[in-house]
Amino acid sequence: MGIETVVLNQYRDKVNQAVTRFGDYSVPLSEGWIKTVRKALGMSGSQLAKRLEVTKGRVSQAESGELSGGVTLRTMESMAAAMSCRFVYAIIPEKNIENVIKHQAIMKAKARVKAASTHMALEAQSLDKHTLDFEIERIASEIMSKIPSDFWTEK
């Protein structure tokens, strides 16, 4: 196992840990994290503003900005710190990283098999469904063993 494989596996493990630990977390849709945590602490907007040395309007703006996607990471960090919290930022796949990669490999394999099947059908040599499924799995495994540079490129 080469160093590149070891490093790749370390990246995958880190992402999979995030999926396991945080995969089911979501932003409280009605209020966002800033307002939810502030209320859980029993802290008013004015009190948070005073801790941040900003206006109450700025806190309200940050709370609204979080819901609309317009708040910066820096603002989230400062709001969290002012509430004695830690801001955590992550991009978490819907499923573990190997499944995301396998799905993409199957899509690539299906495209290859489809192209080959079209040519074979024109020559009256089409394959049955079982053989096609086997070929898709075989090619997907081959693709996953050495991910090509165009792996995430459409077509």
Protein backbone atom coordinates (compact mmCIF):
# COMPACT_ATOMS: atom_id res chain seq x y z
CA MET A 1 0.00 0.00 0.00
CA GLY A 2 1.55 3.27 -1.15
CA ILE A 3 1.62 6.58 0.70
CA GLU A 4 -1.06 7.99 -1.62
CA THR A 5 -3.43 5.17 -0.65
CA VAL A 6 -2.72 5.69 3.04
CA VAL A 7 -3.41 9.43 2.74
CA LEU A 8 -6.58 8.79 0.70
CA ASN A 9 -7.82 6.34 3.34
CA GLN A 10 -7.12 8.90 6.08
CA TYR A 11 -9.25 11.47 4.24
CA ARG A 12 -12.03 8.95 3.76
CA ASP A 13 -11.93 7.93 7.42
CA LYS A 14 -12.19 11.57 8.51
CA VAL A 15 -15.26 12.15 6.30
CA ASN A 16 -16.87 8.89 7.40
CA GLN A 17 -16.36 9.88 11.05
CA ALA A 18 -18.24 13.11 10.33
CA VAL A 19 -21.07 11.13 8.69
CA THR A 20 -21.26 8.85 11.73
CA ARG A 21 -21.10 11.63 14.30
CA PHE A 22 -23.02 14.45 12.64
CA GLY A 23 -24.92 12.95 9.72
CA ASP A 24 -28.34 13.47 11.23
CA TYR A 25 -27.80 17.04 12.45
CA SER A 26 -29.56 19.81 10.65
CA VAL A 27 -30.08 23.52 11.09
CA PRO A 28 -33.17 24.32 13.17
CA LEU A 29 -35.26 25.49 10.20
CA SER A 30 -37.52 27.93 11.96
CA GLU A 31 -34.84 29.95 13.78
CA GLY A 32 -31.30 28.79 12.95
CA TRP A 33 -28.52 27.90 15.36
CA ILE A 34 -27.71 31.40 16.63
CA LYS A 35 -31.23 32.14 17.85
CA THR A 36 -31.86 28.57 19.05
CA VAL A 37 -28.72 28.50 21.21
CA ARG A 38 -29.27 32.08 22.43
CA LYS A 39 -32.81 31.16 23.55
CA ALA A 40 -31.60 27.90 25.12
CA LEU A 41 -29.16 29.95 27.18
CA GLY A 42 -31.92 32.35 28.20
CA MET A 43 -29.94 35.17 26.60
CA SER A 44 -31.68 38.13 24.96
CA GLY A 45 -30.59 39.63 21.68
CA SER A 46 -29.51 42.75 23.57
CA GLN A 47 -27.36 40.71 25.95
CA LEU A 48 -25.66 38.92 23.06
CA ALA A 49 -25.12 42.25 21.31
CA LYS A 50 -23.50 43.68 24.45
CA ARG A 51 -21.13 40.68 24.67
CA LEU A 52 -20.18 41.20 21.02
CA GLU A 53 -19.98 44.99 21.39
CA VAL A 54 -22.40 45.43 18.47
CA THR A 55 -25.97 46.68 18.17
CA LYS A 56 -29.02 44.51 18.80
CA GLY A 57 -29.86 45.07 15.13
CA ARG A 58 -26.59 43.41 14.14
CA VAL A 59 -27.53 40.29 16.15
CA SER A 60 -30.96 40.25 14.52
CA GLN A 61 -29.32 40.70 11.11
CA ALA A 62 -26.98 37.76 11.79
CA GLU A 63 -29.90 35.56 12.89
CA SER A 64 -31.81 36.42 9.70
CA GLY A 65 -28.67 36.04 7.60
CA GLU A 66 -28.12 32.55 8.93
CA LEU A 67 -31.56 31.47 7.72
CA SER A 68 -31.09 33.03 4.27
CA GLY A 69 -27.53 31.74 3.88
CA GLY A 70 -26.02 35.22 3.96
CA VAL A 71 -24.10 35.04 7.24
CA THR A 72 -20.31 34.63 7.11
CA LEU A 73 -18.36 31.91 8.86
CA ARG A 74 -16.53 34.61 10.81
CA THR A 75 -19.86 35.95 12.10
CA MET A 76 -20.98 32.45 13.09
CA GLU A 77 -17.69 31.95 14.97
CA SER A 78 -17.99 35.26 16.85
CA MET A 79 -21.65 34.65 17.73
CA ALA A 80 -20.81 31.18 19.03
CA ALA A 81 -17.84 32.45 21.06
CA ALA A 82 -19.96 35.20 22.60
CA MET A 83 -22.37 32.49 23.79
CA SER A 84 -19.49 30.37 25.19
CA CYS A 85 -19.96 27.93 22.34
CA ARG A 86 -17.87 26.59 19.52
CA PHE A 87 -18.85 26.96 15.87
CA VAL A 88 -18.41 23.76 13.86
CA TYR A 89 -18.40 23.79 10.08
CA ALA A 90 -18.62 20.61 8.02
CA ILE A 91 -19.64 19.24 4.67
CA ILE A 92 -21.16 15.84 5.33
CA PRO A 93 -22.13 13.37 2.61
CA GLU A 94 -25.57 11.78 2.79
CA LYS A 95 -23.93 8.36 3.13
CA ASN A 96 -20.41 7.10 3.77
CA ILE A 97 -17.79 8.17 1.28
CA GLU A 98 -17.29 4.69 -0.18
CA ASN A 99 -20.97 4.56 -1.15
CA VAL A 100 -20.72 7.98 -2.82
CA ILE A 101 -17.69 6.77 -4.80
CA LYS A 102 -19.36 3.45 -5.67
CA HIS A 103 -22.46 5.25 -6.94
CA GLN A 104 -20.32 7.41 -9.24
CA ALA A 105 -18.35 4.37 -10.41
CA ILE A 106 -21.59 2.55 -11.27
CA MET A 107 -22.80 5.58 -13.25
CA LYS A 108 -19.51 5.60 -15.19
CA ALA A 109 -19.68 1.83 -15.71
CA LYS A 110 -23.28 2.02 -16.93
CA ALA A 111 -22.28 4.66 -19.47
CA ARG A 112 -19.45 2.45 -20.77
CA VAL A 113 -21.65 -0.65 -20.92
CA LYS A 114 -24.45 1.28 -22.61
CA ALA A 115 -22.08 2.51 -25.32
CA ALA A 116 -20.73 -0.99 -25.90
CA SER A 117 -24.23 -2.54 -25.79
CA THR A 118 -25.47 -0.16 -28.47
CA HIS A 119 -22.71 -1.26 -30.83
CA MET A 120 -23.27 -4.92 -30.00
CA ALA A 121 -27.04 -4.62 -30.56
CA LEU A 122 -26.40 -3.16 -33.99
CA GLU A 123 -24.42 -6.28 -34.75
CA ALA A 124 -27.12 -8.53 -33.24
CA GLN A 125 -24.82 -9.52 -30.34
CA SER A 126 -26.65 -7.92 -27.42
CA LEU A 127 -26.09 -9.27 -23.89
CA ASP A 128 -28.79 -10.46 -21.48
CA LYS A 129 -29.65 -8.40 -18.38
CA HIS A 130 -27.71 -10.69 -16.00
CA THR A 131 -24.54 -10.36 -18.07
CA LEU A 132 -25.00 -6.58 -18.37
CA ASP A 133 -25.41 -6.26 -14.59
CA PHE A 134 -22.31 -8.41 -14.04
CA GLU A 135 -20.30 -6.23 -16.45
CA ILE A 136 -21.47 -3.03 -14.76
CA GLU A 137 -20.33 -4.34 -11.36
CA ARG A 138 -17.03 -5.59 -12.78
CA ILE A 139 -16.25 -2.31 -14.52
CA ALA A 140 -17.34 -0.27 -11.47
CA SER A 141 -14.94 -2.28 -9.28
CA GLU A 142 -12.17 -1.73 -11.80
CA ILE A 143 -12.88 2.03 -11.86
CA MET A 144 -12.91 2.22 -8.05
CA SER A 145 -9.59 0.41 -7.76
CA LYS A 146 -7.87 3.17 -9.70
CA ILE A 147 -10.04 6.25 -9.90
CA PRO A 148 -9.43 7.91 -13.28
CA SER A 149 -8.83 11.66 -13.61
CA ASP A 150 -12.21 12.14 -15.31
CA PHE A 151 -14.09 10.26 -12.57
CA TRP A 152 -16.16 13.28 -11.46
CA THR A 153 -16.52 14.76 -14.95
CA GLU A 154 -19.91 14.41 -16.58
CA LYS A 155 -19.94 12.25 -19.72
